[in-house]
Amino acid sequence: MFHSSFSFIIIIIFFFFFFFLIPHHNCSHDLSVSRHHPNPKHWPAGVDLVNTTCELCANASAAFRYSFCASSLQRLPITRMASFQGLAIVAMELAMENASETVQKIADMMNNGSFDHHGMAWLGDCMETYSHSVTALLNAIGAFMGKHYVIANAWMLQVTKGIRRCEVRFSRRGREASPLNKHNYDVLRLSDVVLCIIQFLEPT
């Protein structure tokens, strides 16, 4: 159910905002990419956008995971023709797909009878968190498409705050790891990609 509805959303988004994803180079000459003074909006045609973006973000924050960023984005053919802003859209869509799938995973876990009432309460909270995250990601995409980067940033921070709370609450119960650890990690790391790109697009 979530997969089919998500696929429909993706088709609409990619069709309606096609030109947002395709890079448009208005510069008459190539500009070198500087790690110290990056200007992503004016990177030259032909630059390896995924690796350069992931490297830029890794240089900006020690907590950023370059390998995750590169592997997640490189596996999608659309990123080969995406703009710098387009990579943020792709990352948000991947996060939304992950969140939608996690809602279904949590529902399955709640139905398999392997959790006590405390675990069920925790799962219920995480279900609500992920459901809200799907909505927040949709809002973030809409704001980003409208170039309202500050608003998109706020929605993305709401997502990360909720997912971290989901992760921490389970670990406080004394379990070795959350059964949603991989899902939480993926959404948080994809959110990092979006938040990094936004910081280079926000007006200074």
C-alpha atoms as a PDB file:
ATOM      1  CA  MET A   1       0.000   0.000   0.000  1.00  0.00           C
ATOM      2  CA  PHE A   2       2.733   2.441   0.982  1.00  0.00           C
ATOM      3  CA  HIS A   3       4.923   1.394  -1.940  1.00  0.00           C
ATOM      4  CA  SER A   4       2.264   2.008  -4.589  1.00  0.00           C
ATOM      5  CA  SER A   5       1.175   5.359  -3.128  1.00  0.00           C
ATOM      6  CA  PHE A   6       4.768   6.435  -2.806  1.00  0.00           C
ATOM      7  CA  SER A   7       5.518   5.463  -6.415  1.00  0.00           C
ATOM      8  CA  PHE A   8       2.603   7.594  -7.573  1.00  0.00           C
ATOM      9  CA  ILE A   9       3.887  10.570  -5.561  1.00  0.00           C
ATOM     10  CA  ILE A  10       7.351  10.158  -7.051  1.00  0.00           C
ATOM     11  CA  ILE A  11       6.010  10.095 -10.611  1.00  0.00           C
ATOM     12  CA  ILE A  12       4.065  13.315 -10.031  1.00  0.00           C
ATOM     13  CA  ILE A  13       7.007  15.057  -8.388  1.00  0.00           C
ATOM     14  CA  PHE A  14       9.483  14.093 -11.088  1.00  0.00           C
ATOM     15  CA  PHE A  15       7.113  15.031 -13.893  1.00  0.00           C
ATOM     16  CA  PHE A  16       6.042  18.385 -12.480  1.00  0.00           C
ATOM     17  CA  PHE A  17       9.477  19.459 -11.306  1.00  0.00           C
ATOM     18  CA  PHE A  18      11.576  17.929 -14.061  1.00  0.00           C
ATOM     19  CA  PHE A  19      13.452  21.123 -14.800  1.00  0.00           C
ATOM     20  CA  PHE A  20      14.369  21.508 -11.151  1.00  0.00           C
ATOM     21  CA  LEU A  21      16.333  18.283 -11.270  1.00  0.00           C
ATOM     22  CA  ILE A  22      18.189  18.971 -14.508  1.00  0.00           C
ATOM     23  CA  PRO A  23      21.262  21.135 -14.035  1.00  0.00           C
ATOM     24  CA  HIS A  24      21.331  24.361 -16.022  1.00  0.00           C
ATOM     25  CA  HIS A  25      24.779  25.851 -16.514  1.00  0.00           C
ATOM     26  CA  ASN A  26      24.568  29.541 -17.297  1.00  0.00           C
ATOM     27  CA  CYS A  27      28.264  30.250 -16.906  1.00  0.00           C
ATOM     28  CA  SER A  28      30.222  30.897 -20.066  1.00  0.00           C
ATOM     29  CA  HIS A  29      33.367  29.283 -18.668  1.00  0.00           C
ATOM     30  CA  ASP A  30      34.266  26.492 -16.235  1.00  0.00           C
ATOM     31  CA  LEU A  31      34.772  27.360 -12.607  1.00  0.00           C
ATOM     32  CA  SER A  32      37.018  25.256 -10.421  1.00  0.00           C
ATOM     33  CA  VAL A  33      35.550  23.559  -7.366  1.00  0.00           C
ATOM     34  CA  SER A  34      37.160  24.852  -4.196  1.00  0.00           C
ATOM     35  CA  ARG A  35      36.887  23.029  -0.892  1.00  0.00           C
ATOM     36  CA  HIS A  36      37.542  26.257   0.958  1.00  0.00           C
ATOM     37  CA  HIS A  37      35.104  28.501  -0.929  1.00  0.00           C
ATOM     38  CA  PRO A  38      32.565  26.137  -2.515  1.00  0.00           C
ATOM     39  CA  ASN A  39      30.001  27.612  -4.855  1.00  0.00           C
ATOM     40  CA  PRO A  40      27.814  24.595  -5.714  1.00  0.00           C
ATOM     41  CA  LYS A  41      25.370  26.617  -7.797  1.00  0.00           C
ATOM     42  CA  HIS A  42      28.166  27.402 -10.228  1.00  0.00           C
ATOM     43  CA  TRP A  43      29.989  24.092 -10.399  1.00  0.00           C
ATOM     44  CA  PRO A  44      31.132  23.336 -13.956  1.00  0.00           C
ATOM     45  CA  ALA A  45      29.387  20.942 -16.303  1.00  0.00           C
ATOM     46  CA  GLY A  46      30.820  17.446 -16.133  1.00  0.00           C
ATOM     47  CA  VAL A  47      31.722  17.568 -12.447  1.00  0.00           C
ATOM     48  CA  ASP A  48      30.999  14.339 -10.517  1.00  0.00           C
ATOM     49  CA  LEU A  49      28.132  15.945  -8.631  1.00  0.00           C
ATOM     50  CA  VAL A  50      27.397  13.113  -6.216  1.00  0.00           C
ATOM     51  CA  ASN A  51      30.959  12.584  -5.057  1.00  0.00           C
ATOM     52  CA  THR A  52      31.709  16.312  -4.975  1.00  0.00           C
ATOM     53  CA  THR A  53      28.583  17.042  -2.962  1.00  0.00           C
ATOM     54  CA  CYS A  54      29.231  14.200  -0.520  1.00  0.00           C
ATOM     55  CA  GLU A  55      32.845  15.314  -0.125  1.00  0.00           C
ATOM     56  CA  LEU A  56      31.743  18.909   0.417  1.00  0.00           C
ATOM     57  CA  CYS A  57      29.357  17.836   3.173  1.00  0.00           C
ATOM     58  CA  ALA A  58      31.931  15.540   4.783  1.00  0.00           C
ATOM     59  CA  ASN A  59      34.400  18.429   4.886  1.00  0.00           C
ATOM     60  CA  ALA A  60      31.739  20.638   6.464  1.00  0.00           C
ATOM     61  CA  SER A  61      30.905  18.207   9.292  1.00  0.00           C
ATOM     62  CA  ALA A  62      32.894  15.432  10.954  1.00  0.00           C
ATOM     63  CA  ALA A  63      29.617  13.630  11.704  1.00  0.00           C
ATOM     64  CA  PHE A  64      28.664  13.419   8.023  1.00  0.00           C
ATOM     65  CA  ARG A  65      29.015   9.943   6.470  1.00  0.00           C
ATOM     66  CA  TYR A  66      30.590  10.306   3.041  1.00  0.00           C
ATOM     67  CA  SER A  67      30.349   6.600   2.159  1.00  0.00           C
ATOM     68  CA  PHE A  68      26.631   6.456   2.943  1.00  0.00           C
ATOM     69  CA  CYS A  69      25.968   9.625   0.963  1.00  0.00           C
ATOM     70  CA  ALA A  70      27.854   8.428  -2.100  1.00  0.00           C
ATOM     71  CA  SER A  71      26.484   4.878  -2.129  1.00  0.00           C
ATOM     72  CA  SER A  72      22.881   5.974  -1.554  1.00  0.00           C
ATOM     73  CA  LEU A  73      22.850   8.563  -4.331  1.00  0.00           C
ATOM     74  CA  GLN A  74      25.075   6.826  -6.885  1.00  0.00           C
ATOM     75  CA  ARG A  75      22.808   3.793  -7.139  1.00  0.00           C
ATOM     76  CA  LEU A  76      20.040   5.918  -8.672  1.00  0.00           C
ATOM     77  CA  PRO A  77      20.427   6.760 -12.393  1.00  0.00           C
ATOM     78  CA  ILE A  78      18.467  10.030 -11.939  1.00  0.00           C
ATOM     79  CA  THR A  79      21.370  11.512  -9.946  1.00  0.00           C
ATOM     80  CA  ARG A  80      23.569  11.450 -13.053  1.00  0.00           C
ATOM     81  CA  MET A  81      21.540  14.292 -14.525  1.00  0.00           C
ATOM     82  CA  ALA A  82      20.391  15.979 -11.318  1.00  0.00           C
ATOM     83  CA  SER A  83      21.399  19.455 -10.251  1.00  0.00           C
ATOM     84  CA  PHE A  84      22.867  20.265  -6.830  1.00  0.00           C
ATOM     85  CA  GLN A  85      19.355  21.098  -5.636  1.00  0.00           C
ATOM     86  CA  GLY A  86      18.052  17.968  -7.348  1.00  0.00           C
ATOM     87  CA  LEU A  87      20.254  15.775  -5.149  1.00  0.00           C
ATOM     88  CA  ALA A  88      18.440  17.152  -2.105  1.00  0.00           C
ATOM     89  CA  ILE A  89      15.105  16.234  -3.693  1.00  0.00           C
ATOM     90  CA  VAL A  90      16.350  12.706  -4.370  1.00  0.00           C
ATOM     91  CA  ALA A  91      17.575  12.363  -0.772  1.00  0.00           C
ATOM     92  CA  MET A  92      14.219  13.554   0.579  1.00  0.00           C
ATOM     93  CA  GLU A  93      12.335  11.120  -1.634  1.00  0.00           C
ATOM     94  CA  LEU A  94      14.575   8.268  -0.485  1.00  0.00           C
ATOM     95  CA  ALA A  95      13.965   9.260   3.125  1.00  0.00           C
ATOM     96  CA  MET A  96      10.219   9.397   2.500  1.00  0.00           C
ATOM     97  CA  GLU A  97      10.258   5.951   0.898  1.00  0.00           C
ATOM     98  CA  ASN A  98      12.208   4.597   3.853  1.00  0.00           C
ATOM     99  CA  ALA A  99       9.825   6.206   6.334  1.00  0.00           C
ATOM    100  CA  SER A 100       6.778   4.815   4.528  1.00  0.00           C
ATOM    101  CA  GLU A 101       8.262   1.320   4.518  1.00  0.00           C
ATOM    102  CA  THR A 102       9.128   1.648   8.206  1.00  0.00           C
ATOM    103  CA  VAL A 103       5.499   2.415   9.053  1.00  0.00           C
ATOM    104  CA  GLN A 104       4.552  -0.913   7.486  1.00  0.00           C
ATOM    105  CA  LYS A 105       7.433  -2.698   9.227  1.00  0.00           C
ATOM    106  CA  ILE A 106       6.316  -1.366  12.603  1.00  0.00           C
ATOM    107  CA  ALA A 107       2.739  -2.501  11.917  1.00  0.00           C
ATOM    108  CA  ASP A 108       4.049  -6.002  11.154  1.00  0.00           C
ATOM    109  CA  MET A 109       6.140  -6.013  14.330  1.00  0.00           C
ATOM    110  CA  MET A 110       3.148  -4.973  16.418  1.00  0.00           C
ATOM    111  CA  ASN A 111       1.137  -7.849  14.967  1.00  0.00           C
ATOM    112  CA  ASN A 112       3.693 -10.616  15.513  1.00  0.00           C
ATOM    113  CA  GLY A 113       3.200 -10.785  19.307  1.00  0.00           C
ATOM    114  CA  SER A 114       6.894 -10.669  20.246  1.00  0.00           C
ATOM    115  CA  PHE A 115       6.768  -7.430  22.265  1.00  0.00           C
ATOM    116  CA  ASP A 116       5.437  -6.814  25.760  1.00  0.00           C
ATOM    117  CA  HIS A 117       3.128  -3.918  26.552  1.00  0.00           C
ATOM    118  CA  HIS A 118       6.092  -1.570  27.052  1.00  0.00           C
ATOM    119  CA  GLY A 119       7.495  -2.539  23.674  1.00  0.00           C
ATOM    120  CA  MET A 120       4.107  -2.122  22.066  1.00  0.00           C
ATOM    121  CA  ALA A 121       3.821   1.373  23.511  1.00  0.00           C
ATOM    122  CA  TRP A 122       7.267   2.225  22.176  1.00  0.00           C
ATOM    123  CA  LEU A 123       6.411   0.859  18.752  1.00  0.00           C
ATOM    124  CA  GLY A 124       3.180   2.840  18.760  1.00  0.00           C
ATOM    125  CA  ASP A 125       5.118   6.027  19.444  1.00  0.00           C
ATOM    126  CA  CYS A 126       7.588   5.230  16.669  1.00  0.00           C
ATOM    127  CA  MET A 127       4.702   4.467  14.313  1.00  0.00           C
ATOM    128  CA  GLU A 128       3.302   7.933  15.023  1.00  0.00           C
ATOM    129  CA  THR A 129       6.758   9.485  14.604  1.00  0.00           C
ATOM    130  CA  TYR A 130       7.325   7.876  11.224  1.00  0.00           C
ATOM    131  CA  SER A 131       3.832   8.729  10.025  1.00  0.00           C
ATOM    132  CA  HIS A 132       4.458  12.361  10.915  1.00  0.00           C
ATOM    133  CA  SER A 133       7.874  12.154   9.263  1.00  0.00           C
ATOM    134  CA  VAL A 134       6.296  11.190   5.944  1.00  0.00           C
ATOM    135  CA  THR A 135       4.116  14.292   6.137  1.00  0.00           C
ATOM    136  CA  ALA A 136       7.055  16.454   7.228  1.00  0.00           C
ATOM    137  CA  LEU A 137       9.149  15.195   4.301  1.00  0.00           C
ATOM    138  CA  LEU A 138       6.344  15.998   1.866  1.00  0.00           C
ATOM    139  CA  ASN A 139       6.176  19.491   3.344  1.00  0.00           C
ATOM    140  CA  ALA A 140       9.951  19.818   3.144  1.00  0.00           C
ATOM    141  CA  ILE A 141       9.911  18.869  -0.536  1.00  0.00           C
ATOM    142  CA  GLY A 142       7.183  21.419  -1.239  1.00  0.00           C
ATOM    143  CA  ALA A 143       9.057  24.169   0.594  1.00  0.00           C
ATOM    144  CA  PHE A 144      12.324  23.247  -1.099  1.00  0.00           C
ATOM    145  CA  MET A 145      10.705  23.285  -4.530  1.00  0.00           C
ATOM    146  CA  GLY A 146       9.442  26.777  -3.778  1.00  0.00           C
ATOM    147  CA  LYS A 147      12.978  27.775  -2.724  1.00  0.00           C
ATOM    148  CA  HIS A 148      11.798  28.349   0.827  1.00  0.00           C
ATOM    149  CA  TYR A 149      14.949  26.772   2.167  1.00  0.00           C
ATOM    150  CA  VAL A 150      14.607  27.980   5.751  1.00  0.00           C
ATOM    151  CA  ILE A 151      11.175  26.359   5.970  1.00  0.00           C
ATOM    152  CA  ALA A 152      12.437  23.163   4.329  1.00  0.00           C
ATOM    153  CA  ASN A 153      15.284  23.120   6.850  1.00  0.00           C
ATOM    154  CA  ALA A 154      12.798  23.391   9.726  1.00  0.00           C
ATOM    155  CA  TRP A 155      10.757  20.459   8.424  1.00  0.00           C
ATOM    156  CA  MET A 156      13.893  18.342   8.042  1.00  0.00           C
ATOM    157  CA  LEU A 157      14.999  19.150  11.590  1.00  0.00           C
ATOM    158  CA  GLN A 158      11.560  18.027  12.779  1.00  0.00           C
ATOM    159  CA  VAL A 159      12.132  14.696  11.029  1.00  0.00           C
ATOM    160  CA  THR A 160      15.555  14.148  12.586  1.00  0.00           C
ATOM    161  CA  LYS A 161      14.343  15.110  16.055  1.00  0.00           C
ATOM    162  CA  GLY A 162      11.510  12.595  15.909  1.00  0.00           C
ATOM    163  CA  ILE A 163      13.642   9.755  14.569  1.00  0.00           C
ATOM    164  CA  ARG A 164      16.332  10.296  17.203  1.00  0.00           C
ATOM    165  CA  ARG A 165      13.673  10.231  19.903  1.00  0.00           C
ATOM    166  CA  CYS A 166      12.390   6.933  18.518  1.00  0.00           C
ATOM    167  CA  GLU A 167      15.881   5.453  18.622  1.00  0.00           C
ATOM    168  CA  VAL A 168      16.801   6.714  22.077  1.00  0.00           C
ATOM    169  CA  ARG A 169      13.579   5.661  23.729  1.00  0.00           C
ATOM    170  CA  PHE A 170      14.088   2.039  22.784  1.00  0.00           C
ATOM    171  CA  SER A 171      17.735   1.995  23.907  1.00  0.00           C
ATOM    172  CA  ARG A 172      16.644   3.244  27.333  1.00  0.00           C
ATOM    173  CA  ARG A 173      14.716   0.021  27.797  1.00  0.00           C
ATOM    174  CA  GLY A 174      18.025  -1.852  28.139  1.00  0.00           C
ATOM    175  CA  ARG A 175      17.897  -3.608  24.783  1.00  0.00           C
ATOM    176  CA  GLU A 176      21.175  -3.928  22.871  1.00  0.00           C
ATOM    177  CA  ALA A 177      19.842  -2.263  19.759  1.00  0.00           C
ATOM    178  CA  SER A 178      16.600  -0.938  18.421  1.00  0.00           C
ATOM    179  CA  PRO A 179      14.878  -3.224  15.888  1.00  0.00           C
ATOM    180  CA  LEU A 180      14.467  -0.058  13.840  1.00  0.00           C
ATOM    181  CA  ASN A 181      18.131   0.905  14.085  1.00  0.00           C
ATOM    182  CA  LYS A 182      18.882   0.475  10.376  1.00  0.00           C
ATOM    183  CA  HIS A 183      15.751   2.397   9.334  1.00  0.00           C
ATOM    184  CA  ASN A 184      16.484   5.172  11.808  1.00  0.00           C
ATOM    185  CA  TYR A 185      20.085   5.391  10.639  1.00  0.00           C
ATOM    186  CA  ASP A 186      19.138   5.599   6.971  1.00  0.00           C
ATOM    187  CA  VAL A 187      16.566   8.355   7.465  1.00  0.00           C
ATOM    188  CA  LEU A 188      18.951  10.358   9.648  1.00  0.00           C
ATOM    189  CA  ARG A 189      21.844  10.063   7.185  1.00  0.00           C
ATOM    190  CA  LEU A 190      19.637  11.005   4.224  1.00  0.00           C
ATOM    191  CA  SER A 191      18.387  13.963   6.229  1.00  0.00           C
ATOM    192  CA  ASP A 192      22.013  14.969   6.777  1.00  0.00           C
ATOM    193  CA  VAL A 193      22.475  15.154   3.006  1.00  0.00           C
ATOM    194  CA  VAL A 194      19.446  17.434   2.655  1.00  0.00           C
ATOM    195  CA  LEU A 195      20.417  19.663   5.571  1.00  0.00           C
ATOM    196  CA  CYS A 196      23.939  20.018   4.206  1.00  0.00           C
ATOM    197  CA  ILE A 197      22.755  21.054   0.752  1.00  0.00           C
ATOM    198  CA  ILE A 198      20.281  23.531   2.237  1.00  0.00           C
ATOM    199  CA  GLN A 199      23.010  25.314   4.178  1.00  0.00           C
ATOM    200  CA  PHE A 200      24.718  26.172   0.874  1.00  0.00           C
ATOM    201  CA  LEU A 201      21.452  27.425  -0.613  1.00  0.00           C
ATOM    202  CA  GLU A 202      20.198  29.554   2.271  1.00  0.00           C
ATOM    203  CA  PRO A 203      20.792  33.280   1.848  1.00  0.00           C
ATOM    204  CA  THR A 204      23.780  34.479   3.849  1.00  0.00           C
END
